[in-house]
Amino acid sequence: MASHLTWNGPRTRDGVPAIYLTFDDGPHPEVTREVMRILARYRAPATFFCVGQNLERYPEVAIELRAAGHAIGNHLHQHESGWETPTWSYLRSYVRCRELVGDGRWFRPPYGRISRQQAEALQGHTRIVMWDVLSGDWDATQSPDDCFNRLRTHTRPGAIVVFHDSERAAPRMLATLPRYLDWLADEGYGCFPFPGEHEEW
């Protein structure tokens, strides 16, 4: 199954060590908009893996994300775990969310949990994007310092980095994100969108 999954991106883009920022579980009307404001200050693009139910609730936020130059990916309609969901139901949730996303290029399994059968069924229809750096912002036992130190320790060129634009993660994510973006700039990293359809991964 590993061959079906993307864990990191090209190490350099335009001659610069590259980082790929991603945000899961939104959109959220306050949190996602604050993330957009932070990213705009740093001119940093990101991919937002959105839950279909949240897209239905807040379609205007998705419009704003695209207008700001960010990409939207599929995170299933109801954020189901692939390990606990029959394949037919999982795929139905994928299709329902894809109809709302309007673009099938990117998919991230909620919790990172996807079965071999589910991954094989999706292969050829989307790129299944995992990660190699987790911020840990969803964990209420962690502090912003914990999240930042984890990011700083594990970030490498080509890293796909996960934050969450959810109400639960917001206290840690919003405190960590600007600090991390400052650190990336100091270290010479650039934030880039995912490669295009015909670009090399």
N, C-alpha and C. Protein backbone atom coordinates (compact mmCIF):
# COMPACT_ATOMS: atom_id res chain seq x y z
N MET A 1 0.82 -1.21 0.00
CA MET A 1 0.00 0.00 0.00
C MET A 1 0.85 1.26 0.00
N ALA A 2 2.09 1.16 0.49
CA ALA A 2 2.92 2.35 0.61
C ALA A 2 3.10 3.07 -0.72
N SER A 3 3.10 2.30 -1.82
CA SER A 3 3.29 2.93 -3.13
C SER A 3 2.11 3.80 -3.52
N HIS A 4 0.94 3.61 -2.88
CA HIS A 4 -0.24 4.42 -3.19
C HIS A 4 -0.22 5.76 -2.44
N LEU A 5 0.69 5.92 -1.49
CA LEU A 5 0.64 7.05 -0.58
C LEU A 5 1.81 8.00 -0.81
N THR A 6 1.55 9.30 -0.67
CA THR A 6 2.59 10.32 -0.78
C THR A 6 2.89 10.85 0.61
N TRP A 7 4.14 10.71 1.03
CA TRP A 7 4.54 11.12 2.37
C TRP A 7 5.31 12.44 2.38
N ASN A 8 5.93 12.80 1.29
CA ASN A 8 6.67 14.07 1.23
C ASN A 8 6.71 14.54 -0.22
N GLY A 9 7.16 15.78 -0.39
CA GLY A 9 7.21 16.38 -1.71
C GLY A 9 8.63 16.56 -2.18
N PRO A 10 8.81 17.17 -3.35
CA PRO A 10 10.16 17.47 -3.82
C PRO A 10 10.94 18.28 -2.78
N ARG A 11 12.21 17.93 -2.62
CA ARG A 11 13.02 18.55 -1.57
C ARG A 11 13.32 20.02 -1.85
N THR A 12 13.44 20.38 -3.12
CA THR A 12 13.70 21.77 -3.46
C THR A 12 12.73 22.22 -4.55
N ARG A 13 12.41 23.51 -4.52
CA ARG A 13 11.61 24.14 -5.57
C ARG A 13 12.26 25.49 -5.85
N ASP A 14 12.49 25.75 -7.11
CA ASP A 14 13.14 27.01 -7.50
C ASP A 14 14.47 27.20 -6.77
N GLY A 15 15.16 26.09 -6.51
CA GLY A 15 16.46 26.16 -5.86
C GLY A 15 16.42 26.41 -4.36
N VAL A 16 15.22 26.32 -3.76
CA VAL A 16 15.04 26.60 -2.34
C VAL A 16 14.57 25.34 -1.63
N PRO A 17 15.08 25.04 -0.43
CA PRO A 17 14.52 23.92 0.34
C PRO A 17 13.03 24.12 0.56
N ALA A 18 12.22 23.13 0.23
CA ALA A 18 10.77 23.30 0.15
C ALA A 18 10.05 22.66 1.32
N ILE A 19 9.00 23.33 1.77
CA ILE A 19 8.07 22.84 2.78
C ILE A 19 6.66 22.95 2.20
N TYR A 20 5.81 21.97 2.54
CA TYR A 20 4.44 21.94 2.05
C TYR A 20 3.50 21.96 3.26
N LEU A 21 2.83 23.10 3.47
CA LEU A 21 1.94 23.26 4.60
C LEU A 21 0.56 22.71 4.29
N THR A 22 0.00 21.97 5.24
CA THR A 22 -1.36 21.46 5.09
C THR A 22 -2.14 21.68 6.38
N PHE A 23 -3.46 21.82 6.22
CA PHE A 23 -4.36 22.03 7.35
C PHE A 23 -5.54 21.08 7.20
N ASP A 24 -5.84 20.35 8.26
CA ASP A 24 -6.91 19.36 8.22
C ASP A 24 -8.12 19.79 9.05
N ASP A 25 -9.28 19.29 8.68
CA ASP A 25 -10.52 19.27 9.48
C ASP A 25 -11.39 20.50 9.34
N GLY A 26 -10.98 21.54 8.61
CA GLY A 26 -11.83 22.70 8.42
C GLY A 26 -12.83 22.46 7.30
N PRO A 27 -13.38 23.55 6.74
CA PRO A 27 -13.12 24.92 7.18
C PRO A 27 -13.93 25.30 8.40
N HIS A 28 -13.39 26.26 9.15
CA HIS A 28 -14.06 26.83 10.31
C HIS A 28 -14.11 28.34 10.10
N PRO A 29 -15.25 28.99 10.34
CA PRO A 29 -15.39 30.39 9.93
C PRO A 29 -14.41 31.34 10.61
N GLU A 30 -14.09 31.10 11.88
CA GLU A 30 -13.13 31.99 12.54
C GLU A 30 -11.70 31.47 12.40
N VAL A 31 -11.49 30.21 12.69
CA VAL A 31 -10.13 29.67 12.73
C VAL A 31 -9.49 29.68 11.34
N THR A 32 -10.21 29.21 10.34
CA THR A 32 -9.63 29.15 8.99
C THR A 32 -9.32 30.55 8.48
N ARG A 33 -10.17 31.50 8.76
CA ARG A 33 -9.91 32.88 8.30
C ARG A 33 -8.69 33.46 8.99
N GLU A 34 -8.49 33.14 10.26
CA GLU A 34 -7.29 33.61 10.95
C GLU A 34 -6.05 32.96 10.36
N VAL A 35 -6.13 31.69 10.02
CA VAL A 35 -5.00 31.02 9.35
C VAL A 35 -4.69 31.73 8.03
N MET A 36 -5.73 32.06 7.27
CA MET A 36 -5.52 32.76 6.00
C MET A 36 -4.81 34.09 6.21
N ARG A 37 -5.19 34.80 7.27
CA ARG A 37 -4.54 36.09 7.54
C ARG A 37 -3.05 35.89 7.87
N ILE A 38 -2.74 34.87 8.65
CA ILE A 38 -1.34 34.60 8.97
C ILE A 38 -0.57 34.21 7.73
N LEU A 39 -1.12 33.30 6.94
CA LEU A 39 -0.43 32.85 5.73
C LEU A 39 -0.21 34.00 4.76
N ALA A 40 -1.19 34.92 4.69
CA ALA A 40 -1.04 36.06 3.78
C ALA A 40 0.13 36.94 4.18
N ARG A 41 0.34 37.10 5.48
CA ARG A 41 1.46 37.93 5.93
C ARG A 41 2.80 37.35 5.49
N TYR A 42 2.86 36.04 5.41
CA TYR A 42 4.11 35.36 5.03
C TYR A 42 4.12 34.94 3.56
N ARG A 43 3.04 35.24 2.86
CA ARG A 43 2.91 34.84 1.45
C ARG A 43 3.16 33.34 1.30
N ALA A 44 2.55 32.58 2.18
CA ALA A 44 2.75 31.13 2.23
C ALA A 44 1.49 30.42 1.75
N PRO A 45 1.58 29.65 0.67
CA PRO A 45 0.43 28.87 0.22
C PRO A 45 0.28 27.60 1.04
N ALA A 46 -0.92 27.06 1.05
CA ALA A 46 -1.17 25.82 1.79
C ALA A 46 -2.28 25.04 1.10
N THR A 47 -2.39 23.78 1.49
CA THR A 47 -3.49 22.93 1.06
C THR A 47 -4.35 22.62 2.27
N PHE A 48 -5.64 22.86 2.15
CA PHE A 48 -6.60 22.64 3.24
C PHE A 48 -7.41 21.39 2.92
N PHE A 49 -7.23 20.34 3.73
CA PHE A 49 -7.99 19.11 3.57
C PHE A 49 -9.27 19.26 4.38
N CYS A 50 -10.37 19.48 3.65
CA CYS A 50 -11.62 19.88 4.27
C CYS A 50 -12.59 18.71 4.43
N VAL A 51 -13.32 18.74 5.52
CA VAL A 51 -14.38 17.77 5.79
C VAL A 51 -15.64 18.24 5.06
N GLY A 52 -16.29 17.32 4.36
CA GLY A 52 -17.45 17.69 3.56
C GLY A 52 -18.55 18.36 4.35
N GLN A 53 -18.83 17.86 5.55
CA GLN A 53 -19.88 18.49 6.37
C GLN A 53 -19.55 19.95 6.69
N ASN A 54 -18.28 20.24 6.88
CA ASN A 54 -17.89 21.63 7.15
C ASN A 54 -17.97 22.48 5.89
N LEU A 55 -17.69 21.89 4.74
CA LEU A 55 -17.86 22.62 3.48
C LEU A 55 -19.33 22.97 3.25
N GLU A 56 -20.22 22.06 3.64
CA GLU A 56 -21.65 22.35 3.51
C GLU A 56 -22.06 23.49 4.45
N ARG A 57 -21.49 23.51 5.65
CA ARG A 57 -21.84 24.55 6.62
C ARG A 57 -21.28 25.92 6.23
N TYR A 58 -20.06 25.91 5.70
CA TYR A 58 -19.35 27.18 5.48
C TYR A 58 -18.79 27.27 4.06
N PRO A 59 -19.64 27.21 3.06
CA PRO A 59 -19.14 27.23 1.68
C PRO A 59 -18.41 28.53 1.34
N GLU A 60 -18.78 29.62 2.01
CA GLU A 60 -18.13 30.90 1.71
C GLU A 60 -16.66 30.89 2.12
N VAL A 61 -16.31 30.10 3.14
CA VAL A 61 -14.91 30.03 3.56
C VAL A 61 -14.08 29.33 2.50
N ALA A 62 -14.64 28.30 1.89
CA ALA A 62 -13.94 27.60 0.81
C ALA A 62 -13.70 28.54 -0.37
N ILE A 63 -14.68 29.38 -0.67
CA ILE A 63 -14.51 30.35 -1.76
C ILE A 63 -13.36 31.31 -1.44
N GLU A 64 -13.30 31.75 -0.19
CA GLU A 64 -12.23 32.65 0.23
C GLU A 64 -10.86 31.97 0.18
N LEU A 65 -10.81 30.69 0.55
CA LEU A 65 -9.53 29.96 0.48
C LEU A 65 -9.01 29.94 -0.95
N ARG A 66 -9.87 29.61 -1.89
CA ARG A 66 -9.43 29.55 -3.29
C ARG A 66 -9.04 30.94 -3.79
N ALA A 67 -9.81 31.95 -3.41
CA ALA A 67 -9.49 33.31 -3.85
C ALA A 67 -8.14 33.76 -3.32
N ALA A 68 -7.74 33.22 -2.16
CA ALA A 68 -6.44 33.58 -1.57
C ALA A 68 -5.30 32.74 -2.14
N GLY A 69 -5.61 31.84 -3.06
CA GLY A 69 -4.57 31.06 -3.72
C GLY A 69 -4.24 29.73 -3.08
N HIS A 70 -5.06 29.30 -2.12
CA HIS A 70 -4.82 28.02 -1.47
C HIS A 70 -5.58 26.91 -2.19
N ALA A 71 -5.12 25.68 -2.01
CA ALA A 71 -5.78 24.52 -2.60
C ALA A 71 -6.67 23.87 -1.55
N ILE A 72 -7.71 23.17 -2.03
CA ILE A 72 -8.61 22.44 -1.15
C ILE A 72 -8.56 20.97 -1.51
N GLY A 73 -8.37 20.15 -0.50
CA GLY A 73 -8.35 18.70 -0.69
C GLY A 73 -9.50 18.04 0.05
N ASN A 74 -9.68 16.77 -0.23
CA ASN A 74 -10.78 15.96 0.29
C ASN A 74 -10.34 15.28 1.59
N HIS A 75 -11.18 15.40 2.62
CA HIS A 75 -10.90 14.76 3.92
C HIS A 75 -12.12 13.96 4.39
N LEU A 76 -12.85 13.42 3.39
CA LEU A 76 -14.09 12.67 3.57
C LEU A 76 -15.22 13.57 4.06
N HIS A 77 -16.43 13.07 3.85
CA HIS A 77 -17.60 13.89 4.20
C HIS A 77 -17.81 13.96 5.71
N GLN A 78 -17.55 12.84 6.41
CA GLN A 78 -17.82 12.81 7.84
C GLN A 78 -16.58 12.45 8.67
N HIS A 79 -15.38 12.57 8.07
CA HIS A 79 -14.13 12.36 8.82
C HIS A 79 -14.06 10.93 9.38
N GLU A 80 -14.44 9.95 8.58
CA GLU A 80 -14.44 8.56 9.02
C GLU A 80 -13.03 7.97 9.06
N SER A 81 -12.82 7.05 9.99
CA SER A 81 -11.59 6.26 10.02
C SER A 81 -11.72 5.11 9.05
N GLY A 82 -10.72 4.96 8.17
CA GLY A 82 -10.75 3.87 7.21
C GLY A 82 -10.66 2.50 7.85
N TRP A 83 -10.08 2.43 9.03
CA TRP A 83 -9.93 1.13 9.70
C TRP A 83 -11.25 0.64 10.29
N GLU A 84 -12.21 1.53 10.43
CA GLU A 84 -13.47 1.18 11.08
C GLU A 84 -14.67 1.35 10.15
N THR A 85 -14.41 1.60 8.86
CA THR A 85 -15.47 1.91 7.91
C THR A 85 -15.40 0.96 6.73
N PRO A 86 -16.50 0.32 6.36
CA PRO A 86 -16.49 -0.55 5.16
C PRO A 86 -16.06 0.24 3.93
N THR A 87 -15.40 -0.44 3.01
CA THR A 87 -14.85 0.25 1.84
C THR A 87 -15.94 0.97 1.05
N TRP A 88 -17.09 0.34 0.85
CA TRP A 88 -18.14 0.98 0.05
C TRP A 88 -18.61 2.27 0.70
N SER A 89 -18.71 2.27 2.03
CA SER A 89 -19.14 3.47 2.75
C SER A 89 -18.06 4.55 2.71
N TYR A 90 -16.81 4.12 2.83
CA TYR A 90 -15.68 5.05 2.76
C TYR A 90 -15.64 5.74 1.41
N LEU A 91 -15.81 4.97 0.34
CA LEU A 91 -15.76 5.54 -1.00
C LEU A 91 -16.95 6.47 -1.26
N ARG A 92 -18.09 6.11 -0.71
CA ARG A 92 -19.26 6.99 -0.85
C ARG A 92 -19.00 8.33 -0.17
N SER A 93 -18.38 8.31 1.00
CA SER A 93 -18.04 9.54 1.70
C SER A 93 -17.02 10.35 0.90
N TYR A 94 -16.05 9.65 0.29
CA TYR A 94 -15.06 10.33 -0.55
C TYR A 94 -15.75 11.05 -1.72
N VAL A 95 -16.66 10.35 -2.39
CA VAL A 95 -17.34 10.93 -3.55
C VAL A 95 -18.19 12.12 -3.13
N ARG A 96 -18.88 11.99 -2.01
CA ARG A 96 -19.74 13.09 -1.56
C ARG A 96 -18.91 14.34 -1.25
N CYS A 97 -17.74 14.14 -0.62
CA CYS A 97 -16.87 15.28 -0.33
C CYS A 97 -16.26 15.83 -1.62
N ARG A 98 -15.90 14.95 -2.53
CA ARG A 98 -15.30 15.42 -3.78
C ARG A 98 -16.27 16.31 -4.55
N GLU A 99 -17.55 16.00 -4.50
CA GLU A 99 -18.54 16.84 -5.18
C GLU A 99 -18.54 18.25 -4.60
N LEU A 100 -18.27 18.37 -3.32
CA LEU A 100 -18.22 19.69 -2.68
C LEU A 100 -16.89 20.39 -2.94
N VAL A 101 -15.80 19.60 -2.93
CA VAL A 101 -14.48 20.18 -3.19
C VAL A 101 -14.38 20.66 -4.63
N GLY A 102 -14.95 19.87 -5.55
CA GLY A 102 -14.92 20.24 -6.96
C GLY A 102 -13.59 19.96 -7.63
N ASP A 103 -12.72 19.23 -6.97
CA ASP A 103 -11.39 18.95 -7.50
C ASP A 103 -10.91 17.67 -6.83
N GLY A 104 -10.56 16.67 -7.63
CA GLY A 104 -10.19 15.39 -7.05
C GLY A 104 -8.71 15.14 -6.93
N ARG A 105 -7.89 16.20 -7.01
CA ARG A 105 -6.44 15.96 -7.05
C ARG A 105 -5.88 15.45 -5.74
N TRP A 106 -6.40 15.93 -4.60
CA TRP A 106 -5.76 15.65 -3.32
C TRP A 106 -6.75 15.01 -2.35
N PHE A 107 -6.28 13.98 -1.66
CA PHE A 107 -7.09 13.33 -0.62
C PHE A 107 -6.19 12.97 0.55
N ARG A 108 -6.65 13.26 1.75
CA ARG A 108 -5.95 12.80 2.96
C ARG A 108 -6.91 11.97 3.81
N PRO A 109 -6.53 10.75 4.14
CA PRO A 109 -7.38 9.93 5.00
C PRO A 109 -7.45 10.51 6.42
N PRO A 110 -8.64 10.72 6.96
CA PRO A 110 -8.72 11.15 8.35
C PRO A 110 -7.96 10.20 9.27
N TYR A 111 -7.25 10.76 10.22
CA TYR A 111 -6.41 10.02 11.17
C TYR A 111 -5.25 9.29 10.48
N GLY A 112 -5.10 9.45 9.18
CA GLY A 112 -4.11 8.67 8.45
C GLY A 112 -4.47 7.21 8.32
N ARG A 113 -5.72 6.85 8.56
CA ARG A 113 -6.13 5.46 8.59
C ARG A 113 -6.88 5.11 7.31
N ILE A 114 -6.28 4.25 6.53
CA ILE A 114 -6.88 3.81 5.27
C ILE A 114 -6.44 2.38 5.02
N SER A 115 -7.38 1.55 4.58
CA SER A 115 -7.06 0.15 4.31
C SER A 115 -6.45 0.01 2.92
N ARG A 116 -5.80 -1.12 2.71
CA ARG A 116 -5.24 -1.39 1.38
C ARG A 116 -6.33 -1.37 0.31
N GLN A 117 -7.47 -1.97 0.61
CA GLN A 117 -8.56 -2.02 -0.37
C GLN A 117 -9.06 -0.61 -0.70
N GLN A 118 -9.19 0.23 0.31
CA GLN A 118 -9.63 1.60 0.08
C GLN A 118 -8.62 2.38 -0.75
N ALA A 119 -7.33 2.22 -0.42
CA ALA A 119 -6.29 2.93 -1.16
C ALA A 119 -6.24 2.46 -2.61
N GLU A 120 -6.38 1.17 -2.83
CA GLU A 120 -6.35 0.66 -4.20
C GLU A 120 -7.55 1.15 -5.00
N ALA A 121 -8.70 1.27 -4.35
CA ALA A 121 -9.89 1.76 -5.04
C ALA A 121 -9.74 3.22 -5.45
N LEU A 122 -9.01 3.99 -4.66
CA LEU A 122 -8.84 5.42 -4.95
C LEU A 122 -7.67 5.70 -5.89
N GLN A 123 -6.76 4.75 -6.00
CA GLN A 123 -5.60 4.96 -6.85
C GLN A 123 -6.05 5.23 -8.29
N GLY A 124 -5.45 6.23 -8.90
CA GLY A 124 -5.83 6.61 -10.24
C GLY A 124 -6.90 7.69 -10.29
N HIS A 125 -7.57 7.91 -9.14
CA HIS A 125 -8.61 8.94 -9.07
C HIS A 125 -8.14 10.17 -8.30
N THR A 126 -7.13 10.01 -7.47
CA THR A 126 -6.66 11.10 -6.62
C THR A 126 -5.27 10.76 -6.12
N ARG A 127 -4.57 11.73 -5.59
CA ARG A 127 -3.30 11.46 -4.90
C ARG A 127 -3.58 11.42 -3.40
N ILE A 128 -3.22 10.32 -2.78
CA ILE A 128 -3.43 10.15 -1.34
C ILE A 128 -2.22 10.75 -0.62
N VAL A 129 -2.44 11.87 0.04
CA VAL A 129 -1.36 12.64 0.64
C VAL A 129 -1.33 12.40 2.15
N MET A 130 -0.24 11.86 2.63
CA MET A 130 -0.04 11.66 4.06
C MET A 130 0.80 12.82 4.59
N TRP A 131 1.88 12.55 5.32
CA TRP A 131 2.71 13.61 5.88
C TRP A 131 3.97 12.97 6.44
N ASP A 132 4.95 13.81 6.73
CA ASP A 132 6.08 13.31 7.51
C ASP A 132 6.38 14.19 8.72
N VAL A 133 5.61 15.27 8.92
CA VAL A 133 5.77 16.08 10.13
C VAL A 133 4.39 16.44 10.67
N LEU A 134 4.10 16.01 11.90
CA LEU A 134 2.86 16.36 12.58
C LEU A 134 3.16 17.42 13.63
N SER A 135 2.35 18.48 13.64
CA SER A 135 2.56 19.53 14.63
C SER A 135 2.12 19.11 16.02
N GLY A 136 1.15 18.19 16.10
CA GLY A 136 0.59 17.80 17.39
C GLY A 136 -0.39 18.81 17.96
N ASP A 137 -0.85 19.73 17.12
CA ASP A 137 -1.69 20.83 17.63
C ASP A 137 -3.07 20.38 18.10
N TRP A 138 -3.53 19.21 17.69
CA TRP A 138 -4.84 18.72 18.11
C TRP A 138 -4.84 18.19 19.55
N ASP A 139 -3.66 17.97 20.09
CA ASP A 139 -3.51 17.33 21.40
C ASP A 139 -3.53 18.38 22.50
N ALA A 140 -4.58 18.41 23.30
CA ALA A 140 -4.74 19.43 24.33
C ALA A 140 -3.72 19.29 25.46
N THR A 141 -3.04 18.17 25.53
CA THR A 141 -1.99 18.02 26.56
C THR A 141 -0.68 18.67 26.14
N GLN A 142 -0.60 19.12 24.89
CA GLN A 142 0.61 19.74 24.39
C GLN A 142 0.51 21.27 24.50
N SER A 143 1.63 21.90 24.65
CA SER A 143 1.68 23.37 24.66
C SER A 143 2.15 23.87 23.30
N PRO A 144 1.97 25.16 23.00
CA PRO A 144 2.54 25.68 21.76
C PRO A 144 4.05 25.45 21.67
N ASP A 145 4.75 25.53 22.78
CA ASP A 145 6.19 25.25 22.76
C ASP A 145 6.46 23.81 22.36
N ASP A 146 5.65 22.88 22.87
CA ASP A 146 5.81 21.48 22.49
C ASP A 146 5.63 21.32 20.98
N CYS A 147 4.60 21.95 20.45
CA CYS A 147 4.32 21.84 19.01
C CYS A 147 5.47 22.44 18.20
N PHE A 148 5.92 23.62 18.59
CA PHE A 148 7.00 24.26 17.84
C PHE A 148 8.28 23.42 17.89
N ASN A 149 8.61 22.91 19.05
CA ASN A 149 9.84 22.12 19.17
C ASN A 149 9.76 20.83 18.34
N ARG A 150 8.57 20.23 18.29
CA ARG A 150 8.40 19.05 17.45
C ARG A 150 8.61 19.40 15.98
N LEU A 151 8.02 20.50 15.54
CA LEU A 151 8.17 20.94 14.16
C LEU A 151 9.63 21.23 13.83
N ARG A 152 10.28 21.97 14.70
CA ARG A 152 11.67 22.35 14.46
C ARG A 152 12.58 21.11 14.41
N THR A 153 12.29 20.13 15.24
CA THR A 153 13.13 18.92 15.29
C THR A 153 12.97 18.07 14.04
N HIS A 154 11.75 17.99 13.51
CA HIS A 154 11.48 17.00 12.46
C HIS A 154 11.41 17.59 11.05
N THR A 155 11.39 18.90 10.91
CA THR A 155 11.30 19.50 9.58
C THR A 155 12.57 19.25 8.78
N ARG A 156 12.38 18.76 7.57
CA ARG A 156 13.45 18.52 6.60
C ARG A 156 12.99 19.01 5.23
N PRO A 157 13.90 19.27 4.30
CA PRO A 157 13.46 19.65 2.96
C PRO A 157 12.51 18.60 2.37
N GLY A 158 11.42 19.08 1.79
CA GLY A 158 10.42 18.20 1.20
C GLY A 158 9.31 17.81 2.15
N ALA A 159 9.37 18.28 3.39
CA ALA A 159 8.40 17.85 4.40
C ALA A 159 6.98 18.33 4.08
N ILE A 160 6.03 17.43 4.23
CA ILE A 160 4.61 17.77 4.25
C ILE A 160 4.22 17.89 5.72
N VAL A 161 3.80 19.08 6.11
CA VAL A 161 3.57 19.42 7.52
C VAL A 161 2.08 19.56 7.78
N VAL A 162 1.62 18.96 8.88
CA VAL A 162 0.20 18.96 9.21
C VAL A 162 -0.12 19.86 10.40
N PHE A 163 -1.01 20.81 10.17
CA PHE A 163 -1.70 21.55 11.22
C PHE A 163 -3.20 21.24 11.09
N HIS A 164 -3.99 21.77 12.02
CA HIS A 164 -5.44 21.59 11.99
C HIS A 164 -6.12 22.94 12.17
N ASP A 165 -6.99 23.31 11.24
CA ASP A 165 -7.74 24.57 11.37
C ASP A 165 -9.11 24.27 11.99
N SER A 166 -9.06 23.68 13.18
CA SER A 166 -10.26 23.33 13.92
C SER A 166 -10.30 24.12 15.22
N GLU A 167 -11.48 24.20 15.81
CA GLU A 167 -11.64 24.91 17.07
C GLU A 167 -10.80 24.24 18.17
N ARG A 168 -10.76 22.92 18.14
CA ARG A 168 -10.00 22.19 19.16
C ARG A 168 -8.51 22.50 19.10
N ALA A 169 -7.96 22.57 17.89
CA ALA A 169 -6.51 22.77 17.73
C ALA A 169 -6.11 24.23 17.81
N ALA A 170 -7.06 25.15 17.65
CA ALA A 170 -6.74 26.57 17.47
C ALA A 170 -5.82 27.16 18.53
N PRO A 171 -6.02 26.89 19.84
CA PRO A 171 -5.14 27.53 20.82
C PRO A 171 -3.66 27.23 20.60
N ARG A 172 -3.36 26.02 20.18
CA ARG A 172 -1.96 25.65 19.94
C ARG A 172 -1.52 26.03 18.52
N MET A 173 -2.37 25.77 17.56
CA MET A 173 -2.00 26.03 16.17
C MET A 173 -1.75 27.50 15.91
N LEU A 174 -2.66 28.37 16.38
CA LEU A 174 -2.52 29.80 16.08
C LEU A 174 -1.32 30.42 16.79
N ALA A 175 -0.95 29.84 17.93
CA ALA A 175 0.25 30.33 18.63
C ALA A 175 1.53 29.81 17.99
N THR A 176 1.45 28.65 17.36
CA THR A 176 2.65 28.00 16.81
C THR A 176 2.94 28.42 15.38
N LEU A 177 1.90 28.60 14.57
CA LEU A 177 2.08 28.81 13.14
C LEU A 177 2.97 30.02 12.81
N PRO A 178 2.73 31.22 13.36
CA PRO A 178 3.63 32.33 13.01
C PRO A 178 5.07 32.10 13.45
N ARG A 179 5.23 31.51 14.59
CA ARG A 179 6.57 31.21 15.09
C ARG A 179 7.29 30.23 14.16
N TYR A 180 6.55 29.24 13.69
CA TYR A 180 7.13 28.25 12.78
C TYR A 180 7.48 28.90 11.43
N LEU A 181 6.61 29.75 10.94
CA LEU A 181 6.87 30.42 9.66
C LEU A 181 8.09 31.33 9.77
N ASP A 182 8.24 32.01 10.89
CA ASP A 182 9.45 32.81 11.11
C ASP A 182 10.70 31.92 11.11
N TRP A 183 10.61 30.79 11.79
CA TRP A 183 11.74 29.86 11.86
C TRP A 183 12.09 29.32 10.47
N LEU A 184 11.08 28.97 9.69
CA LEU A 184 11.33 28.48 8.33
C LEU A 184 12.09 29.53 7.52
N ALA A 185 11.65 30.78 7.62
CA ALA A 185 12.31 31.85 6.87
C ALA A 185 13.76 32.02 7.33
N ASP A 186 13.98 31.97 8.64
CA ASP A 186 15.34 32.11 9.16
C ASP A 186 16.25 30.98 8.70
N GLU A 187 15.66 29.79 8.53
CA GLU A 187 16.44 28.61 8.13
C GLU A 187 16.59 28.49 6.61
N GLY A 188 15.97 29.41 5.88
CA GLY A 188 16.11 29.40 4.43
C GLY A 188 15.12 28.53 3.69
N TYR A 189 14.07 28.08 4.36
CA TYR A 189 13.03 27.28 3.70
C TYR A 189 12.04 28.19 2.97
N GLY A 190 11.41 27.63 1.96
CA GLY A 190 10.29 28.29 1.30
C GLY A 190 9.06 27.41 1.39
N CYS A 191 7.89 28.02 1.53
CA CYS A 191 6.62 27.29 1.52
C CYS A 191 6.08 27.29 0.09
N PHE A 192 5.71 26.11 -0.39
CA PHE A 192 5.28 25.95 -1.77
C PHE A 192 3.97 25.18 -1.84
N PRO A 193 3.19 25.41 -2.90
CA PRO A 193 2.02 24.56 -3.14
C PRO A 193 2.50 23.18 -3.59
N PHE A 194 1.59 22.22 -3.54
CA PHE A 194 1.93 20.89 -4.06
C PHE A 194 2.27 21.01 -5.55
N PRO A 195 3.13 20.13 -6.05
CA PRO A 195 3.47 20.16 -7.48
C PRO A 195 2.21 19.99 -8.34
N GLY A 196 2.26 20.57 -9.51
CA GLY A 196 1.14 20.46 -10.45
C GLY A 196 1.02 19.07 -11.02
N GLU A 197 -0.02 18.89 -11.82
CA GLU A 197 -0.35 17.57 -12.33
C GLU A 197 0.79 16.94 -13.11
N HIS A 198 1.56 17.74 -13.84
CA HIS A 198 2.62 17.19 -14.69
C HIS A 198 4.01 17.45 -14.12
N GLU A 199 4.07 17.91 -12.87
CA GLU A 199 5.37 18.13 -12.23
C GLU A 199 5.79 16.88 -11.47
N GLU A 200 7.08 16.78 -11.22
CA GLU A 200 7.62 15.60 -10.56
C GLU A 200 7.38 15.67 -9.06
N TRP A 201 7.03 14.52 -8.48
CA TRP A 201 6.94 14.38 -7.03
C TRP A 201 8.16 13.60 -6.56
